[in-house]
């Protein structure tokens, strides 16, 4: 099984600090986090299908 690429710690910290500075209530620092957030409003059957495809690529 392969997993999505992990973002570097420096990039995550930079995104978090930018979010704090901009007074954002939420910071999604990488593509995987943004995709998971987008899935939250979708039909669960689509979520599982897309997540399985993403994890097997």
Protein backbone atom coordinates (compact mmCIF):
# COMPACT_ATOMS: atom_id res chain seq x y z
CA UNK A 1 0.00 0.00 0.00
CA UNK A 2 1.28 3.45 -0.85
CA UNK A 3 0.35 6.57 1.04
CA UNK A 4 0.03 10.17 -0.15
CA UNK A 5 3.27 12.13 -0.04
CA UNK A 6 3.98 13.78 3.29
CA UNK A 7 4.56 17.51 3.23
CA UNK A 8 7.76 18.79 4.73
CA UNK A 9 7.70 20.13 8.27
CA UNK A 10 8.95 23.52 7.10
CA UNK A 11 6.05 23.86 4.64
CA UNK A 12 3.49 22.85 7.27
CA UNK A 13 4.86 25.29 9.84
CA UNK A 14 5.01 28.09 7.26
CA UNK A 15 1.38 27.47 6.28
CA UNK A 16 0.33 27.39 9.93
CA UNK A 17 2.10 30.64 10.72
CA UNK A 18 0.63 32.29 7.61
CA UNK A 19 -2.83 31.15 8.72
CA UNK A 20 -2.34 32.51 12.22
CA UNK A 21 -1.12 35.81 10.85
CA UNK A 22 -4.12 36.02 8.51
CA UNK A 23 -6.50 35.11 11.40
CA UNK A 24 -7.80 32.07 9.51
CA UNK A 25 -9.96 29.74 11.60
CA UNK A 26 -8.53 26.72 9.77
CA UNK A 27 -5.33 25.94 7.89
CA UNK A 28 -5.14 23.07 5.42
CA UNK A 29 -1.46 22.91 4.63
CA UNK A 30 -1.30 20.15 2.01
CA UNK A 31 -3.26 18.70 -0.88
CA UNK A 32 -4.31 15.60 1.06
CA UNK A 33 -5.83 17.69 3.87
CA UNK A 34 -7.68 19.88 1.36
CA UNK A 35 -9.03 16.77 -0.40
CA UNK A 36 -10.23 15.19 2.84
CA UNK A 37 -11.95 18.47 3.80
CA UNK A 38 -13.67 18.57 0.38
CA UNK A 39 -14.88 15.00 0.82
CA UNK A 40 -16.71 15.85 4.05
CA UNK A 41 -19.66 17.31 2.14
CA UNK A 42 -19.88 14.47 -0.41
CA UNK A 43 -21.82 11.24 -0.49
CA UNK A 44 -19.89 8.72 1.66
CA UNK A 45 -19.83 6.11 -1.11
CA UNK A 46 -17.94 8.57 -3.33
CA UNK A 47 -15.55 9.40 -0.52
CA UNK A 48 -14.55 5.77 -0.01
CA UNK A 49 -14.11 5.20 -3.74
CA UNK A 50 -11.92 8.31 -4.19
CA UNK A 51 -9.91 7.64 -1.02
CA UNK A 52 -9.22 4.06 -2.05
CA UNK A 53 -8.07 5.22 -5.49
CA UNK A 54 -5.82 7.89 -3.98
CA UNK A 55 -4.19 5.40 -1.62
CA UNK A 56 -3.53 2.80 -4.32
CA UNK A 57 -1.97 5.12 -6.91
